[in-house]
Amino acid sequence: ESYAPLIPVTPQMMSPYLLNVLFVNLIPILKRIVNASLTGLLPSPWKRAIILPKLKKLNLDPVLSNYSPLSNLTFISKLTEKAASIQVVNHLALHDLFPRTQSAYSKHHSTKTAFLKITNDILLKMKRQHVSLLV
């Protein structure tokens, strides 16, 4: 029998599909990698991104000024970023550190929620014949 040569797995090859297939066995390993990276121990190759040019709009001419950089991070970097974000948001929520009017990073809040709040405040002020200024 012949076997294919062993090819080392690089961070770029660690796709979401591969993680789904090996999910149960990889959870403890991924947890250690993410926790280590949050203390500054993320391996250098995983800190790199592949940067590709992307047209800002499909109908634009393919000249340099019409392109914007698109960074393609490794999956493990994205996973670490998400884990850090969740931890920070949970800490801020647990200790009531978000301002009451905070919309970003808040569950059930969006730009629509913020817009409705501002609109409602202005309408209430107008009803009381107060002047409102929005900058």
Protein backbone atom coordinates (compact mmCIF):
# COMPACT_ATOMS: atom_id res chain seq x y z
CA GLU A 1 0.00 0.00 0.00
CA SER A 2 1.13 3.53 -0.68
CA TYR A 3 0.46 6.41 1.61
CA ALA A 4 0.33 10.08 0.82
CA PRO A 5 3.23 12.03 2.30
CA LEU A 6 2.49 13.82 5.52
CA ILE A 7 1.80 17.49 4.97
CA PRO A 8 2.17 19.74 8.01
CA VAL A 9 -1.04 21.55 8.91
CA THR A 10 -0.61 25.32 8.91
CA PRO A 11 -2.95 27.77 10.64
CA GLN A 12 -4.41 28.74 7.25
CA MET A 13 -5.48 25.13 6.70
CA MET A 14 -7.48 25.07 9.95
CA SER A 15 -10.89 25.66 8.41
CA PRO A 16 -14.30 25.73 10.09
CA TYR A 17 -15.16 22.53 8.18
CA LEU A 18 -12.17 20.72 9.68
CA LEU A 19 -13.14 21.93 13.13
CA ASN A 20 -16.70 20.61 12.70
CA VAL A 21 -15.37 17.19 11.79
CA LEU A 22 -12.97 17.05 14.75
CA PHE A 23 -15.01 19.26 17.10
CA VAL A 24 -15.24 17.07 20.20
CA ASN A 25 -11.53 16.26 20.33
CA LEU A 26 -10.40 19.79 19.49
CA ILE A 27 -12.38 21.67 22.15
CA PRO A 28 -9.83 21.22 24.99
CA ILE A 29 -6.95 22.03 22.63
CA LEU A 30 -8.65 25.14 21.22
CA LYS A 31 -9.49 26.28 24.74
CA ARG A 32 -5.81 26.08 25.72
CA ILE A 33 -4.71 27.87 22.53
CA VAL A 34 -7.23 30.69 23.02
CA ASN A 35 -6.42 31.10 26.73
CA ALA A 36 -2.68 31.11 26.01
CA SER A 37 -3.11 33.65 23.21
CA LEU A 38 -5.07 35.95 25.53
CA THR A 39 -1.97 36.08 27.74
CA GLY A 40 0.20 37.01 24.74
CA LEU A 41 1.38 33.55 23.67
CA LEU A 42 -0.16 33.47 20.17
CA PRO A 43 2.40 31.98 17.75
CA SER A 44 3.81 34.52 15.28
CA PRO A 45 2.45 32.81 12.12
CA TRP A 46 -1.06 33.09 13.56
CA LYS A 47 -0.67 36.85 14.01
CA ARG A 48 -0.25 37.33 10.28
CA ALA A 49 -2.99 38.01 7.77
CA ILE A 50 -3.18 37.52 4.04
CA ILE A 51 -4.05 40.90 2.57
CA LEU A 52 -5.86 40.91 -0.74
CA PRO A 53 -7.02 43.85 -2.86
CA LYS A 54 -10.80 44.10 -3.24
CA LEU A 55 -12.72 46.47 -5.49
CA LYS A 56 -14.77 48.88 -3.39
CA LYS A 57 -17.73 48.52 -5.77
CA LEU A 58 -18.17 46.07 -8.63
CA ASN A 59 -18.85 48.75 -11.25
CA LEU A 60 -15.61 50.69 -10.58
CA ASP A 61 -12.61 50.70 -12.90
CA PRO A 62 -9.80 48.38 -11.78
CA VAL A 63 -7.38 51.16 -10.85
CA LEU A 64 -5.42 51.19 -7.59
CA SER A 65 -7.47 53.96 -5.94
CA ASN A 66 -10.66 51.88 -6.32
CA TYR A 67 -9.32 49.00 -4.25
CA SER A 68 -9.39 48.53 -0.50
CA PRO A 69 -7.32 46.02 1.48
CA LEU A 70 -9.09 42.88 2.67
CA SER A 71 -7.38 41.07 5.54
CA ASN A 72 -7.83 37.32 5.76
CA LEU A 73 -6.92 36.24 9.30
CA THR A 74 -6.39 32.67 10.37
CA PHE A 75 -9.43 30.94 11.80
CA ILE A 76 -7.76 30.54 15.19
CA SER A 77 -7.10 34.32 15.31
CA LYS A 78 -10.77 35.00 14.61
CA LEU A 79 -11.74 32.50 17.30
CA THR A 80 -9.42 34.20 19.80
CA GLU A 81 -10.78 37.64 18.90
CA LYS A 82 -14.36 36.43 19.43
CA ALA A 83 -13.46 34.82 22.77
CA ALA A 84 -11.81 38.03 23.97
CA SER A 85 -14.77 40.11 22.85
CA ILE A 86 -17.23 37.86 24.68
CA GLN A 87 -15.14 37.97 27.87
CA VAL A 88 -14.85 41.78 27.82
CA VAL A 89 -18.55 42.33 27.09
CA ASN A 90 -19.58 39.83 29.79
CA HIS A 91 -17.29 41.54 32.32
CA LEU A 92 -18.65 44.99 31.48
CA ALA A 93 -22.25 43.75 31.68
CA LEU A 94 -21.69 41.79 34.91
CA HIS A 95 -20.25 44.83 36.69
CA ASP A 96 -22.77 47.25 35.14
CA LEU A 97 -20.03 49.26 33.41
CA PHE A 98 -21.94 49.99 30.18
CA PRO A 99 -23.58 53.41 30.03
CA ARG A 100 -27.39 53.17 30.07
CA THR A 101 -27.55 54.59 26.57
CA GLN A 102 -24.92 52.21 25.19
CA SER A 103 -26.14 50.51 21.99
CA ALA A 104 -22.99 48.92 20.62
CA TYR A 105 -22.09 45.50 22.05
CA SER A 106 -25.41 45.29 23.90
CA LYS A 107 -27.88 42.48 23.36
CA HIS A 108 -31.17 43.56 21.81
CA HIS A 109 -29.72 46.97 20.92
CA SER A 110 -28.71 48.21 17.52
CA THR A 111 -28.35 51.42 15.58
CA LYS A 112 -32.14 51.28 15.13
CA THR A 113 -32.55 51.20 18.91
CA ALA A 114 -30.24 54.20 19.28
CA PHE A 115 -32.08 56.08 16.50
CA LEU A 116 -35.46 55.39 18.11
CA LYS A 117 -34.18 56.60 21.49
CA ILE A 118 -32.85 59.85 20.01
CA THR A 119 -36.01 60.42 17.96
CA ASN A 120 -38.20 59.78 20.99
CA ASP A 121 -36.15 62.16 23.16
CA ILE A 122 -36.39 64.93 20.53
CA LEU A 123 -40.14 64.44 20.09
CA LEU A 124 -40.69 64.57 23.87
CA LYS A 125 -38.69 67.82 24.07
CA MET A 126 -40.68 69.29 21.16
CA LYS A 127 -43.94 68.33 22.88
CA ARG A 128 -42.79 70.30 25.95
CA GLN A 129 -41.76 73.16 23.63
CA HIS A 130 -38.09 72.75 24.48
CA VAL A 131 -35.32 73.27 21.95
CA SER A 132 -33.17 70.26 21.00
CA LEU A 133 -29.81 70.25 19.27
CA LEU A 134 -28.32 67.11 17.78
CA VAL A 135 -24.66 67.26 16.82
